[in-house]
N, C-alpha and C. Protein backbone atom coordinates (compact mmCIF):
# COMPACT_ATOMS: atom_id res chain seq x y z
N MET A 1 13.72 -14.13 -1.35
CA MET A 1 14.62 -13.09 -0.89
C MET A 1 13.86 -11.76 -0.98
N SER A 2 13.97 -10.94 0.03
CA SER A 2 13.26 -9.67 0.10
C SER A 2 13.89 -8.63 -0.82
N LEU A 3 13.04 -7.83 -1.45
CA LEU A 3 13.50 -6.74 -2.32
C LEU A 3 14.29 -5.72 -1.50
N LEU A 4 14.05 -5.64 -0.21
CA LEU A 4 14.75 -4.69 0.65
C LEU A 4 16.24 -5.01 0.77
N MET A 5 16.62 -6.24 0.43
CA MET A 5 18.02 -6.63 0.52
C MET A 5 18.83 -6.14 -0.68
N PHE A 6 18.15 -5.59 -1.70
CA PHE A 6 18.83 -5.15 -2.91
C PHE A 6 19.10 -3.66 -2.85
N LYS A 7 20.24 -3.27 -3.36
CA LYS A 7 20.63 -1.87 -3.47
C LYS A 7 20.62 -1.50 -4.94
N GLU A 8 20.27 -0.27 -5.27
CA GLU A 8 20.23 0.15 -6.67
C GLU A 8 21.62 0.54 -7.16
N TYR A 9 21.92 0.15 -8.40
CA TYR A 9 23.18 0.49 -9.05
C TYR A 9 22.88 1.00 -10.45
N ARG A 10 23.72 1.88 -10.93
CA ARG A 10 23.60 2.39 -12.29
C ARG A 10 24.83 1.90 -13.07
N LYS A 11 24.58 1.41 -14.28
CA LYS A 11 25.69 0.95 -15.12
C LYS A 11 26.57 2.12 -15.51
N THR A 12 27.86 1.86 -15.61
CA THR A 12 28.80 2.90 -16.02
C THR A 12 29.34 2.65 -17.42
N ALA A 13 28.89 1.60 -18.07
CA ALA A 13 29.36 1.28 -19.41
C ALA A 13 28.17 0.93 -20.30
N VAL A 14 28.40 0.95 -21.59
CA VAL A 14 27.35 0.52 -22.51
C VAL A 14 27.26 -1.00 -22.49
N GLN A 15 26.09 -1.53 -22.83
CA GLN A 15 25.87 -2.97 -22.84
C GLN A 15 25.67 -3.45 -24.27
N PRO A 16 26.61 -4.21 -24.81
CA PRO A 16 26.41 -4.74 -26.17
C PRO A 16 25.22 -5.70 -26.20
N MET A 17 24.31 -5.48 -27.15
CA MET A 17 23.13 -6.34 -27.33
C MET A 17 22.81 -6.44 -28.81
N ARG A 18 22.06 -7.47 -29.14
CA ARG A 18 21.53 -7.62 -30.49
C ARG A 18 20.09 -8.10 -30.38
N PRO A 19 19.28 -7.86 -31.40
CA PRO A 19 17.88 -8.31 -31.34
C PRO A 19 17.78 -9.83 -31.32
N TYR A 20 16.81 -10.32 -30.57
CA TYR A 20 16.44 -11.73 -30.59
C TYR A 20 15.70 -12.00 -31.89
N GLU A 21 16.04 -13.09 -32.56
CA GLU A 21 15.37 -13.50 -33.80
C GLU A 21 14.42 -14.64 -33.44
N PRO A 22 13.12 -14.44 -33.59
CA PRO A 22 12.16 -15.51 -33.25
C PRO A 22 12.54 -16.84 -33.89
N GLY A 23 12.54 -17.88 -33.06
CA GLY A 23 12.86 -19.22 -33.53
C GLY A 23 14.34 -19.58 -33.43
N GLU A 24 15.21 -18.61 -33.11
CA GLU A 24 16.65 -18.93 -33.04
C GLU A 24 16.93 -19.81 -31.83
N SER A 25 18.00 -20.58 -31.92
CA SER A 25 18.41 -21.43 -30.82
C SER A 25 18.87 -20.56 -29.65
N MET A 26 18.44 -20.91 -28.46
CA MET A 26 18.84 -20.17 -27.27
C MET A 26 19.87 -20.96 -26.46
N ILE A 27 20.47 -21.96 -27.09
CA ILE A 27 21.52 -22.73 -26.41
C ILE A 27 22.67 -21.79 -26.09
N GLY A 28 23.09 -21.77 -24.85
CA GLY A 28 24.18 -20.90 -24.41
C GLY A 28 23.73 -19.51 -23.98
N VAL A 29 22.42 -19.25 -24.05
CA VAL A 29 21.87 -17.95 -23.63
C VAL A 29 21.01 -18.19 -22.40
N SER A 30 21.31 -17.52 -21.29
CA SER A 30 20.51 -17.65 -20.08
C SER A 30 19.18 -16.94 -20.27
N VAL A 31 18.10 -17.65 -19.94
CA VAL A 31 16.76 -17.08 -20.03
C VAL A 31 16.07 -17.33 -18.71
N SER A 32 15.56 -16.26 -18.08
CA SER A 32 14.83 -16.39 -16.83
C SER A 32 13.59 -17.25 -17.05
N PRO A 33 13.23 -18.10 -16.09
CA PRO A 33 12.04 -18.95 -16.26
C PRO A 33 10.75 -18.13 -16.50
N GLU A 34 10.73 -16.88 -16.03
CA GLU A 34 9.54 -16.03 -16.20
C GLU A 34 9.45 -15.44 -17.60
N ASP A 35 10.52 -15.50 -18.39
CA ASP A 35 10.56 -14.87 -19.70
C ASP A 35 10.34 -15.88 -20.82
N THR A 36 9.64 -15.46 -21.83
CA THR A 36 9.49 -16.22 -23.07
C THR A 36 10.07 -15.34 -24.17
N PRO A 37 11.17 -15.76 -24.80
CA PRO A 37 11.76 -14.93 -25.84
C PRO A 37 10.73 -14.55 -26.91
N GLU A 38 10.74 -13.27 -27.27
CA GLU A 38 9.78 -12.76 -28.26
C GLU A 38 10.44 -11.66 -29.08
N LEU A 39 9.82 -11.33 -30.21
CA LEU A 39 10.28 -10.25 -31.06
C LEU A 39 10.34 -8.98 -30.23
N GLY A 40 11.44 -8.26 -30.30
CA GLY A 40 11.63 -7.05 -29.49
C GLY A 40 12.51 -7.30 -28.29
N GLY A 41 12.70 -8.59 -27.91
CA GLY A 41 13.64 -8.92 -26.85
C GLY A 41 15.06 -8.81 -27.38
N MET A 42 16.02 -8.81 -26.50
CA MET A 42 17.42 -8.64 -26.91
C MET A 42 18.29 -9.73 -26.29
N ILE A 43 19.39 -10.02 -26.96
CA ILE A 43 20.41 -10.93 -26.43
C ILE A 43 21.59 -10.04 -26.02
N ALA A 44 21.94 -10.07 -24.74
CA ALA A 44 23.06 -9.29 -24.22
C ALA A 44 24.28 -10.20 -24.12
N ILE A 45 25.45 -9.57 -24.23
CA ILE A 45 26.70 -10.34 -24.16
C ILE A 45 27.69 -9.60 -23.26
N ASN A 46 28.45 -10.36 -22.51
CA ASN A 46 29.52 -9.82 -21.69
C ASN A 46 30.74 -9.67 -22.60
N PRO A 47 31.17 -8.43 -22.92
CA PRO A 47 32.29 -8.27 -23.85
C PRO A 47 33.60 -8.88 -23.37
N LYS A 48 33.73 -9.11 -22.08
CA LYS A 48 34.96 -9.71 -21.56
C LYS A 48 34.88 -11.24 -21.51
N ASN A 49 33.66 -11.78 -21.74
CA ASN A 49 33.46 -13.22 -21.75
C ASN A 49 32.32 -13.52 -22.72
N PRO A 50 32.62 -13.61 -24.03
CA PRO A 50 31.57 -13.77 -25.04
C PRO A 50 30.65 -14.98 -24.85
N SER A 51 31.07 -15.97 -24.07
CA SER A 51 30.18 -17.11 -23.84
C SER A 51 29.12 -16.78 -22.79
N ASP A 52 29.26 -15.66 -22.11
CA ASP A 52 28.28 -15.21 -21.11
C ASP A 52 27.24 -14.34 -21.81
N GLN A 53 26.09 -14.95 -22.15
CA GLN A 53 25.02 -14.25 -22.85
C GLN A 53 23.71 -14.47 -22.12
N TRP A 54 22.81 -13.50 -22.20
CA TRP A 54 21.52 -13.62 -21.54
C TRP A 54 20.45 -12.87 -22.32
N TYR A 55 19.22 -13.35 -22.13
CA TYR A 55 18.08 -12.74 -22.80
C TYR A 55 17.55 -11.59 -21.96
N VAL A 56 17.25 -10.47 -22.62
CA VAL A 56 16.65 -9.31 -21.97
C VAL A 56 15.24 -9.18 -22.53
N ALA A 57 14.24 -9.31 -21.66
CA ALA A 57 12.84 -9.27 -22.09
C ALA A 57 12.51 -7.94 -22.75
N LYS A 58 11.61 -7.99 -23.74
CA LYS A 58 11.21 -6.81 -24.51
C LYS A 58 10.79 -5.66 -23.61
N LYS A 59 9.91 -5.89 -22.66
CA LYS A 59 9.39 -4.83 -21.78
C LYS A 59 10.51 -4.24 -20.92
N PHE A 60 11.37 -5.10 -20.35
CA PHE A 60 12.47 -4.62 -19.53
C PHE A 60 13.42 -3.78 -20.38
N PHE A 61 13.71 -4.26 -21.59
CA PHE A 61 14.59 -3.51 -22.50
C PHE A 61 13.99 -2.14 -22.80
N GLU A 62 12.73 -2.11 -23.18
CA GLU A 62 12.08 -0.84 -23.53
C GLU A 62 12.04 0.14 -22.36
N ASP A 63 11.86 -0.38 -21.15
CA ASP A 63 11.77 0.48 -19.96
C ASP A 63 13.12 0.96 -19.44
N ASN A 64 14.20 0.26 -19.79
CA ASN A 64 15.49 0.53 -19.14
C ASN A 64 16.65 0.85 -20.06
N TYR A 65 16.50 0.70 -21.34
CA TYR A 65 17.63 0.92 -22.25
C TYR A 65 17.28 1.89 -23.37
N MET A 66 18.30 2.54 -23.88
CA MET A 66 18.17 3.36 -25.08
C MET A 66 19.47 3.19 -25.85
N PRO A 67 19.44 3.44 -27.16
CA PRO A 67 20.68 3.25 -27.92
C PRO A 67 21.79 4.17 -27.40
N ALA A 68 23.00 3.63 -27.32
CA ALA A 68 24.16 4.43 -26.94
C ALA A 68 24.58 5.25 -28.14
N PRO A 69 25.11 6.45 -27.91
CA PRO A 69 25.58 7.23 -29.06
C PRO A 69 26.69 6.47 -29.78
N GLU A 70 26.72 6.61 -31.09
CA GLU A 70 27.76 5.95 -31.88
C GLU A 70 29.10 6.59 -31.53
N ILE A 71 30.07 5.75 -31.28
CA ILE A 71 31.40 6.25 -30.93
C ILE A 71 32.33 6.01 -32.11
N ARG A 72 32.79 7.09 -32.68
CA ARG A 72 33.80 6.97 -33.74
C ARG A 72 35.15 6.93 -33.06
N LEU A 73 35.94 5.96 -33.42
CA LEU A 73 37.23 5.78 -32.76
C LEU A 73 38.29 6.75 -33.26
N ASP A 74 37.91 7.65 -34.19
CA ASP A 74 38.88 8.63 -34.67
C ASP A 74 38.50 10.06 -34.28
N HIS A 75 37.43 10.25 -33.58
CA HIS A 75 37.01 11.58 -33.13
C HIS A 75 36.45 11.50 -31.71
N LEU A 76 37.26 11.05 -30.81
CA LEU A 76 36.83 10.90 -29.42
C LEU A 76 37.10 12.17 -28.63
N THR A 77 36.28 12.40 -27.61
CA THR A 77 36.61 13.43 -26.63
C THR A 77 37.70 12.86 -25.73
N PHE A 78 38.27 13.70 -24.90
CA PHE A 78 39.28 13.20 -23.97
C PHE A 78 38.67 12.16 -23.03
N GLY A 79 37.44 12.43 -22.56
CA GLY A 79 36.78 11.47 -21.67
C GLY A 79 36.59 10.12 -22.33
N GLY A 80 36.15 10.12 -23.60
CA GLY A 80 35.98 8.87 -24.33
C GLY A 80 37.30 8.16 -24.55
N ALA A 81 38.32 8.92 -24.88
CA ALA A 81 39.65 8.34 -25.09
C ALA A 81 40.20 7.76 -23.79
N LEU A 82 39.98 8.46 -22.69
CA LEU A 82 40.46 7.99 -21.39
C LEU A 82 39.82 6.65 -21.03
N GLU A 83 38.52 6.50 -21.32
CA GLU A 83 37.85 5.21 -21.09
C GLU A 83 38.54 4.10 -21.87
N LYS A 84 38.88 4.39 -23.14
CA LYS A 84 39.57 3.39 -23.97
C LYS A 84 40.94 3.06 -23.39
N ALA A 85 41.66 4.07 -22.91
CA ALA A 85 42.98 3.83 -22.32
C ALA A 85 42.85 2.99 -21.05
N LYS A 86 41.86 3.28 -20.22
CA LYS A 86 41.69 2.52 -18.98
C LYS A 86 41.31 1.08 -19.26
N ALA A 87 40.74 0.83 -20.45
CA ALA A 87 40.39 -0.53 -20.84
C ALA A 87 41.56 -1.23 -21.54
N GLY A 88 42.72 -0.57 -21.63
CA GLY A 88 43.91 -1.20 -22.19
C GLY A 88 44.34 -0.67 -23.54
N GLY A 89 43.62 0.32 -24.08
CA GLY A 89 43.97 0.85 -25.39
C GLY A 89 45.05 1.91 -25.35
N HIS A 90 45.63 2.16 -26.50
CA HIS A 90 46.59 3.25 -26.68
C HIS A 90 45.86 4.38 -27.40
N ILE A 91 46.00 5.60 -26.91
CA ILE A 91 45.27 6.74 -27.46
C ILE A 91 46.25 7.82 -27.92
N ALA A 92 45.81 8.62 -28.89
CA ALA A 92 46.64 9.72 -29.38
C ALA A 92 45.72 10.78 -29.96
N ARG A 93 46.26 11.98 -30.15
CA ARG A 93 45.52 13.05 -30.82
C ARG A 93 45.88 13.05 -32.29
N ALA A 94 44.89 13.31 -33.13
CA ALA A 94 45.12 13.36 -34.57
C ALA A 94 46.13 14.45 -34.91
N GLY A 95 46.15 15.52 -34.14
CA GLY A 95 47.03 16.65 -34.43
C GLY A 95 48.47 16.51 -33.96
N TRP A 96 48.80 15.43 -33.26
CA TRP A 96 50.17 15.27 -32.80
C TRP A 96 51.09 15.00 -33.99
N ASN A 97 52.24 15.67 -34.00
CA ASN A 97 53.16 15.56 -35.13
C ASN A 97 54.06 14.34 -35.07
N GLY A 98 54.39 13.88 -33.88
CA GLY A 98 55.34 12.78 -33.74
C GLY A 98 54.76 11.45 -34.17
N LYS A 99 55.56 10.67 -34.89
CA LYS A 99 55.13 9.34 -35.31
C LYS A 99 55.17 8.40 -34.12
N ASN A 100 54.18 7.54 -34.06
CA ASN A 100 54.10 6.49 -33.03
C ASN A 100 54.00 7.02 -31.60
N MET A 101 53.56 8.25 -31.44
CA MET A 101 53.32 8.79 -30.10
C MET A 101 51.96 8.30 -29.64
N PHE A 102 51.87 7.87 -28.39
CA PHE A 102 50.58 7.51 -27.83
C PHE A 102 50.64 7.56 -26.31
N VAL A 103 49.47 7.59 -25.72
CA VAL A 103 49.32 7.63 -24.26
C VAL A 103 48.62 6.34 -23.84
N PHE A 104 49.00 5.82 -22.70
CA PHE A 104 48.34 4.63 -22.17
C PHE A 104 48.24 4.75 -20.65
N TYR A 105 47.32 3.99 -20.11
CA TYR A 105 47.01 3.99 -18.67
C TYR A 105 47.88 2.95 -17.97
N GLN A 106 48.47 3.36 -16.87
CA GLN A 106 49.23 2.44 -16.02
C GLN A 106 48.48 2.29 -14.70
N LYS A 107 48.32 1.06 -14.25
CA LYS A 107 47.57 0.80 -13.02
C LYS A 107 48.32 1.22 -11.77
N GLY A 108 49.59 1.54 -11.93
CA GLY A 108 50.39 1.93 -10.78
C GLY A 108 50.79 0.71 -9.96
N TYR A 109 51.22 0.97 -8.74
CA TYR A 109 51.65 -0.09 -7.83
C TYR A 109 51.05 0.19 -6.46
N PRO A 110 49.73 0.01 -6.31
CA PRO A 110 49.10 0.34 -5.03
C PRO A 110 49.62 -0.49 -3.86
N GLN A 111 50.14 -1.70 -4.15
CA GLN A 111 50.70 -2.54 -3.10
C GLN A 111 52.15 -2.17 -2.80
N GLY A 112 52.72 -1.32 -3.66
CA GLY A 112 54.10 -0.89 -3.48
C GLY A 112 55.06 -1.62 -4.38
N ILE A 113 56.15 -0.93 -4.68
CA ILE A 113 57.24 -1.50 -5.49
C ILE A 113 58.54 -0.99 -4.87
N PRO A 114 59.55 -1.85 -4.76
CA PRO A 114 60.81 -1.39 -4.17
C PRO A 114 61.46 -0.29 -5.01
N ALA A 115 61.89 0.76 -4.36
CA ALA A 115 62.55 1.88 -5.06
C ALA A 115 63.90 1.43 -5.58
N ASN A 116 64.15 1.73 -6.87
CA ASN A 116 65.48 1.46 -7.41
C ASN A 116 66.40 2.60 -6.99
N LYS A 117 67.64 2.56 -7.41
CA LYS A 117 68.63 3.55 -6.97
C LYS A 117 68.22 4.97 -7.34
N ASN A 118 67.81 5.18 -8.60
CA ASN A 118 67.41 6.52 -9.04
C ASN A 118 66.24 7.06 -8.23
N THR A 119 65.22 6.22 -8.04
CA THR A 119 64.03 6.65 -7.30
C THR A 119 64.37 6.92 -5.84
N ALA A 120 65.17 6.05 -5.25
CA ALA A 120 65.56 6.22 -3.84
C ALA A 120 66.31 7.54 -3.64
N GLU A 121 67.22 7.85 -4.56
CA GLU A 121 67.96 9.12 -4.46
C GLU A 121 67.03 10.32 -4.61
N ALA A 122 66.09 10.24 -5.56
CA ALA A 122 65.17 11.35 -5.78
C ALA A 122 64.25 11.57 -4.59
N LEU A 123 63.84 10.49 -3.93
CA LEU A 123 62.93 10.60 -2.79
C LEU A 123 63.66 10.80 -1.46
N GLY A 124 64.95 10.56 -1.45
CA GLY A 124 65.70 10.66 -0.19
C GLY A 124 65.41 9.50 0.74
N VAL A 125 65.21 8.32 0.17
CA VAL A 125 64.94 7.12 0.96
C VAL A 125 65.99 6.07 0.58
N GLU A 126 65.97 4.96 1.32
CA GLU A 126 66.91 3.88 1.03
C GLU A 126 66.44 3.08 -0.18
N GLU A 127 67.36 2.58 -0.94
CA GLU A 127 67.04 1.70 -2.06
C GLU A 127 66.27 0.50 -1.51
N GLY A 128 65.20 0.10 -2.17
CA GLY A 128 64.36 -1.00 -1.70
C GLY A 128 63.15 -0.55 -0.90
N TYR A 129 63.13 0.74 -0.50
CA TYR A 129 61.98 1.29 0.21
C TYR A 129 60.73 1.06 -0.64
N MET A 130 59.62 0.64 0.00
CA MET A 130 58.39 0.36 -0.75
C MET A 130 57.69 1.68 -1.11
N VAL A 131 57.59 1.93 -2.40
CA VAL A 131 56.94 3.13 -2.92
C VAL A 131 55.56 2.72 -3.45
N HIS A 132 54.52 3.35 -2.94
CA HIS A 132 53.15 3.06 -3.38
C HIS A 132 52.79 4.08 -4.45
N VAL A 133 52.54 3.58 -5.66
CA VAL A 133 52.30 4.45 -6.82
C VAL A 133 50.85 4.32 -7.25
N LEU A 134 50.16 5.46 -7.34
CA LEU A 134 48.77 5.49 -7.79
C LEU A 134 48.72 5.36 -9.31
N PRO A 135 47.55 5.03 -9.88
CA PRO A 135 47.44 4.94 -11.34
C PRO A 135 47.85 6.26 -12.00
N TYR A 136 48.36 6.16 -13.24
CA TYR A 136 48.82 7.34 -13.95
C TYR A 136 48.78 7.09 -15.46
N LEU A 137 48.96 8.16 -16.22
CA LEU A 137 49.06 8.06 -17.67
C LEU A 137 50.51 8.16 -18.07
N GLN A 138 50.90 7.38 -19.06
CA GLN A 138 52.27 7.38 -19.55
C GLN A 138 52.25 7.57 -21.06
N MET A 139 53.27 8.22 -21.59
CA MET A 139 53.34 8.48 -23.02
C MET A 139 54.55 7.81 -23.65
N ARG A 140 54.33 7.26 -24.84
CA ARG A 140 55.44 6.85 -25.69
C ARG A 140 55.73 8.06 -26.57
N THR A 141 56.94 8.56 -26.49
CA THR A 141 57.31 9.77 -27.23
C THR A 141 57.66 9.43 -28.68
N ALA A 142 57.83 10.46 -29.49
CA ALA A 142 58.18 10.29 -30.90
C ALA A 142 59.53 9.59 -31.07
N THR A 143 60.40 9.68 -30.05
CA THR A 143 61.72 9.05 -30.13
C THR A 143 61.72 7.65 -29.52
N GLY A 144 60.54 7.17 -29.09
CA GLY A 144 60.45 5.81 -28.57
C GLY A 144 60.74 5.69 -27.09
N GLU A 145 60.90 6.82 -26.42
CA GLU A 145 61.13 6.79 -24.97
C GLU A 145 59.78 6.93 -24.27
N TYR A 146 59.77 6.71 -22.97
CA TYR A 146 58.53 6.78 -22.20
C TYR A 146 58.67 7.80 -21.09
N GLN A 147 57.55 8.49 -20.83
CA GLN A 147 57.54 9.46 -19.75
C GLN A 147 56.14 9.52 -19.16
N MET A 148 56.06 9.99 -17.90
CA MET A 148 54.75 10.24 -17.31
C MET A 148 54.11 11.35 -18.12
N TRP A 149 52.78 11.35 -18.21
CA TRP A 149 52.11 12.33 -19.06
C TRP A 149 50.95 12.96 -18.32
N LEU A 150 50.81 14.25 -18.51
CA LEU A 150 49.72 15.02 -17.93
C LEU A 150 49.06 15.81 -19.05
N ALA A 151 47.74 15.69 -19.19
CA ALA A 151 47.01 16.36 -20.26
C ALA A 151 47.00 17.88 -20.06
N SER A 152 47.15 18.60 -21.17
CA SER A 152 47.02 20.06 -21.13
C SER A 152 45.54 20.42 -21.24
N GLN A 153 45.22 21.67 -21.02
CA GLN A 153 43.84 22.12 -21.19
C GLN A 153 43.38 21.87 -22.62
N SER A 154 44.25 22.12 -23.60
CA SER A 154 43.91 21.87 -25.01
C SER A 154 43.62 20.39 -25.24
N ASP A 155 44.42 19.51 -24.65
CA ASP A 155 44.19 18.07 -24.79
C ASP A 155 42.84 17.67 -24.20
N ILE A 156 42.51 18.20 -23.04
CA ILE A 156 41.26 17.84 -22.35
C ILE A 156 40.04 18.29 -23.14
N LEU A 157 40.12 19.45 -23.80
CA LEU A 157 38.97 19.98 -24.54
C LEU A 157 38.91 19.51 -25.98
N ALA A 158 39.95 18.86 -26.48
CA ALA A 158 40.00 18.42 -27.88
C ALA A 158 39.03 17.28 -28.15
N GLU A 159 38.58 17.20 -29.39
CA GLU A 159 37.69 16.13 -29.83
C GLU A 159 38.30 15.38 -31.01
N ASP A 160 39.64 15.35 -31.05
CA ASP A 160 40.33 14.64 -32.12
C ASP A 160 41.15 13.45 -31.59
N TRP A 161 40.75 12.93 -30.43
CA TRP A 161 41.43 11.78 -29.87
C TRP A 161 41.05 10.54 -30.66
N MET A 162 41.96 9.60 -30.74
CA MET A 162 41.69 8.36 -31.47
C MET A 162 42.38 7.19 -30.78
N LEU A 163 41.85 6.03 -31.04
CA LEU A 163 42.43 4.78 -30.56
C LEU A 163 43.46 4.35 -31.57
N VAL A 164 44.70 4.07 -31.14
CA VAL A 164 45.76 3.69 -32.09
C VAL A 164 46.27 2.29 -31.79
């Protein structure tokens, strides 16, 4: 296959890896026929499928990877917290006073969802009208109710976000 058929991509997430231990069993780890596992090589894992593991050659690792900054789950920036929410986590600010308050990501309804009576009245459409909803953030309030949520400037600039 020609190299011209390949397009370049940049990873948008960190890649969990651990060092290869010389002599360890490589059963269940994909190894390219061109590679011979050696000290300095790494074993990568797919965090969404732990049985999907592969060997990363020492030279390739050294040329293409660097350690990711340590992420403390109690002092995240808004951007870091948003990544956690988009991956299914619940996030909150350390400074929020309400108990059990958190924000989470909703995928929305890009294919549409029939409008209930309240939504139909608010939009001026018939009940059952297909409403296409984009992804959004939702908050569980201190009283246990839910509402759509929009970050304030203070929330966006804060570095006290945490995974809850």
